[in-house]
């Protein structure tokens, strides 16, 4: 049986922490930033943990 390949798009979007949690970047900070307030752009910075509902699907795509 051949090895499973990691989904390359998923591997670029998600990272696995040392404890095995999935981490993602927040959406909405790529463009049209001029009309968004500084408060909003600060809130969108940083990373967020993936919801428990979505985690199994993403782990399958990552080959975990």
N, C-alpha and C. Protein backbone atom coordinates (compact mmCIF):
# COMPACT_ATOMS: atom_id res chain seq x y z
N UNK A 1 0.84 -1.18 0.00
CA UNK A 1 0.00 0.00 0.00
C UNK A 1 0.89 1.25 0.00
N UNK A 2 0.61 2.24 -0.88
CA UNK A 2 1.46 3.43 -0.93
C UNK A 2 1.26 4.33 0.29
N UNK A 3 2.25 5.16 0.52
CA UNK A 3 2.16 6.12 1.62
C UNK A 3 1.11 7.19 1.31
N UNK A 4 0.51 7.72 2.35
CA UNK A 4 -0.45 8.81 2.17
C UNK A 4 0.31 10.12 2.04
N UNK A 5 -0.17 10.98 1.13
CA UNK A 5 0.46 12.28 0.95
C UNK A 5 -0.25 13.33 1.80
N UNK A 6 0.52 14.24 2.36
CA UNK A 6 -0.03 15.36 3.11
C UNK A 6 -0.67 16.32 2.14
N UNK A 7 -1.83 16.87 2.50
CA UNK A 7 -2.49 17.89 1.68
C UNK A 7 -1.69 19.18 1.79
N UNK A 8 -1.07 19.61 0.69
CA UNK A 8 -0.10 20.71 0.76
C UNK A 8 -0.75 22.03 1.15
N UNK A 9 -1.99 22.28 0.72
CA UNK A 9 -2.68 23.51 1.10
C UNK A 9 -2.96 23.57 2.58
N UNK A 10 -3.33 22.43 3.14
CA UNK A 10 -3.61 22.36 4.58
C UNK A 10 -2.33 22.52 5.39
N UNK A 11 -1.24 21.93 4.90
CA UNK A 11 0.02 22.03 5.64
C UNK A 11 0.54 23.46 5.69
N UNK A 12 0.17 24.28 4.69
CA UNK A 12 0.59 25.69 4.69
C UNK A 12 -0.27 26.52 5.64
N UNK A 13 -1.49 26.11 5.88
CA UNK A 13 -2.43 26.91 6.66
C UNK A 13 -2.47 26.58 8.14
N UNK A 14 -2.08 25.37 8.51
CA UNK A 14 -2.20 24.93 9.90
C UNK A 14 -0.87 24.42 10.42
N UNK A 15 -0.64 24.64 11.73
CA UNK A 15 0.56 24.13 12.39
C UNK A 15 0.11 23.32 13.60
N UNK A 16 0.92 22.32 13.96
CA UNK A 16 0.63 21.49 15.13
C UNK A 16 1.54 21.93 16.26
N UNK A 17 0.95 22.17 17.44
CA UNK A 17 1.74 22.58 18.60
C UNK A 17 2.40 21.36 19.22
N UNK A 18 3.24 21.58 20.20
CA UNK A 18 3.92 20.49 20.87
C UNK A 18 2.97 19.55 21.57
N UNK A 19 1.86 20.08 22.06
CA UNK A 19 0.87 19.24 22.75
C UNK A 19 -0.12 18.60 21.79
N UNK A 20 0.01 18.87 20.49
CA UNK A 20 -0.84 18.23 19.51
C UNK A 20 -2.05 19.03 19.08
N UNK A 21 -2.17 20.28 19.56
CA UNK A 21 -3.29 21.13 19.14
C UNK A 21 -3.00 21.71 17.76
N UNK A 22 -4.06 22.06 17.04
CA UNK A 22 -3.93 22.67 15.73
C UNK A 22 -4.12 24.18 15.86
N UNK A 23 -3.24 24.93 15.20
CA UNK A 23 -3.27 26.38 15.28
C UNK A 23 -3.40 26.95 13.88
N UNK A 24 -4.19 28.02 13.74
CA UNK A 24 -4.41 28.67 12.45
C UNK A 24 -4.24 30.18 12.58
N UNK A 25 -4.05 30.84 11.47
CA UNK A 25 -4.05 32.30 11.43
C UNK A 25 -5.49 32.78 11.34
N UNK A 26 -5.76 33.97 11.85
CA UNK A 26 -7.12 34.52 11.76
C UNK A 26 -7.36 35.10 10.38
N UNK A 27 -8.59 34.97 9.91
CA UNK A 27 -8.95 35.44 8.58
C UNK A 27 -9.27 36.93 8.61
N UNK A 28 -9.16 37.58 7.46
CA UNK A 28 -9.61 38.96 7.32
C UNK A 28 -8.54 40.01 7.44
N UNK A 29 -7.26 39.63 7.33
CA UNK A 29 -6.20 40.63 7.47
C UNK A 29 -5.31 40.69 6.23
N UNK A 30 -5.85 40.33 5.07
CA UNK A 30 -5.07 40.32 3.83
C UNK A 30 -5.22 41.60 3.03
N UNK A 31 -6.44 42.09 2.90
CA UNK A 31 -6.68 43.26 2.07
C UNK A 31 -7.87 44.04 2.60
N UNK A 32 -8.14 45.20 1.98
CA UNK A 32 -9.18 46.14 2.43
C UNK A 32 -8.95 46.52 3.90
N UNK A 33 -7.69 46.78 4.23
CA UNK A 33 -7.34 47.09 5.62
C UNK A 33 -7.55 48.56 5.95
N UNK A 34 -7.58 49.40 4.91
CA UNK A 34 -7.66 50.84 5.13
C UNK A 34 -8.95 51.22 5.85
N UNK A 35 -10.04 50.57 5.51
CA UNK A 35 -11.33 50.91 6.12
C UNK A 35 -11.57 50.19 7.44
N UNK A 36 -10.72 49.21 7.77
CA UNK A 36 -10.86 48.52 9.05
C UNK A 36 -10.14 49.32 10.13
N UNK A 37 -10.74 49.38 11.30
CA UNK A 37 -10.13 50.16 12.38
C UNK A 37 -8.90 49.44 12.92
N UNK A 38 -8.05 50.20 13.58
CA UNK A 38 -6.84 49.64 14.17
C UNK A 38 -7.19 48.57 15.20
N UNK A 39 -8.29 48.78 15.89
CA UNK A 39 -8.74 47.83 16.89
C UNK A 39 -9.04 46.48 16.24
N UNK A 40 -9.68 46.51 15.08
CA UNK A 40 -10.03 45.28 14.38
C UNK A 40 -8.78 44.57 13.87
N UNK A 41 -7.85 45.33 13.27
CA UNK A 41 -6.65 44.70 12.72
C UNK A 41 -5.77 44.11 13.82
N UNK A 42 -5.75 44.75 14.98
CA UNK A 42 -5.00 44.17 16.12
C UNK A 42 -5.67 42.89 16.59
N UNK A 43 -6.99 42.86 16.63
CA UNK A 43 -7.71 41.68 17.06
C UNK A 43 -7.48 40.51 16.11
N UNK A 44 -7.30 40.81 14.83
CA UNK A 44 -7.10 39.76 13.84
C UNK A 44 -5.66 39.25 13.79
N UNK A 45 -4.74 39.92 14.47
CA UNK A 45 -3.35 39.45 14.44
C UNK A 45 -3.18 38.25 15.36
N UNK A 46 -2.13 37.50 15.13
CA UNK A 46 -1.85 36.35 15.97
C UNK A 46 -2.54 35.09 15.48
N UNK A 47 -2.50 34.07 16.30
CA UNK A 47 -3.05 32.78 15.91
C UNK A 47 -4.24 32.41 16.79
N UNK A 48 -5.01 31.45 16.31
CA UNK A 48 -6.16 30.95 17.05
C UNK A 48 -6.15 29.43 16.97
N UNK A 49 -6.73 28.80 17.98
CA UNK A 49 -6.81 27.34 17.98
C UNK A 49 -7.98 26.90 17.11
N UNK A 50 -7.81 25.79 16.43
CA UNK A 50 -8.87 25.25 15.59
C UNK A 50 -9.97 24.67 16.49
N UNK A 51 -11.22 24.84 16.07
CA UNK A 51 -12.33 24.32 16.86
C UNK A 51 -12.28 22.80 16.92
N UNK A 52 -12.74 22.21 18.01
CA UNK A 52 -12.72 20.74 18.13
C UNK A 52 -13.52 20.04 17.03
N UNK A 53 -14.54 20.73 16.52
CA UNK A 53 -15.37 20.16 15.47
C UNK A 53 -14.58 19.98 14.16
N UNK A 54 -13.73 20.94 13.84
CA UNK A 54 -12.97 20.90 12.58
C UNK A 54 -11.66 20.12 12.68
N UNK A 55 -11.17 19.91 13.89
CA UNK A 55 -9.86 19.30 14.09
C UNK A 55 -9.69 17.92 13.44
N UNK A 56 -10.66 17.01 13.56
CA UNK A 56 -10.47 15.68 12.95
C UNK A 56 -10.28 15.73 11.44
N UNK A 57 -11.04 16.61 10.77
CA UNK A 57 -10.92 16.76 9.32
C UNK A 57 -9.54 17.26 8.92
N UNK A 58 -9.04 18.24 9.65
CA UNK A 58 -7.74 18.83 9.33
C UNK A 58 -6.63 17.83 9.63
N UNK A 59 -6.75 17.10 10.73
CA UNK A 59 -5.74 16.09 11.07
C UNK A 59 -5.66 15.02 9.99
N UNK A 60 -6.80 14.66 9.43
CA UNK A 60 -6.82 13.66 8.35
C UNK A 60 -6.08 14.19 7.11
N UNK A 61 -6.29 15.47 6.80
CA UNK A 61 -5.62 16.07 5.65
C UNK A 61 -4.12 16.20 5.88
N UNK A 62 -3.73 16.42 7.14
CA UNK A 62 -2.31 16.53 7.46
C UNK A 62 -1.64 15.16 7.59
N UNK A 63 -2.43 14.12 7.64
CA UNK A 63 -1.87 12.78 7.78
C UNK A 63 -1.52 12.42 9.20
N UNK A 64 -2.23 13.00 10.17
CA UNK A 64 -1.98 12.72 11.59
C UNK A 64 -2.91 11.65 12.11
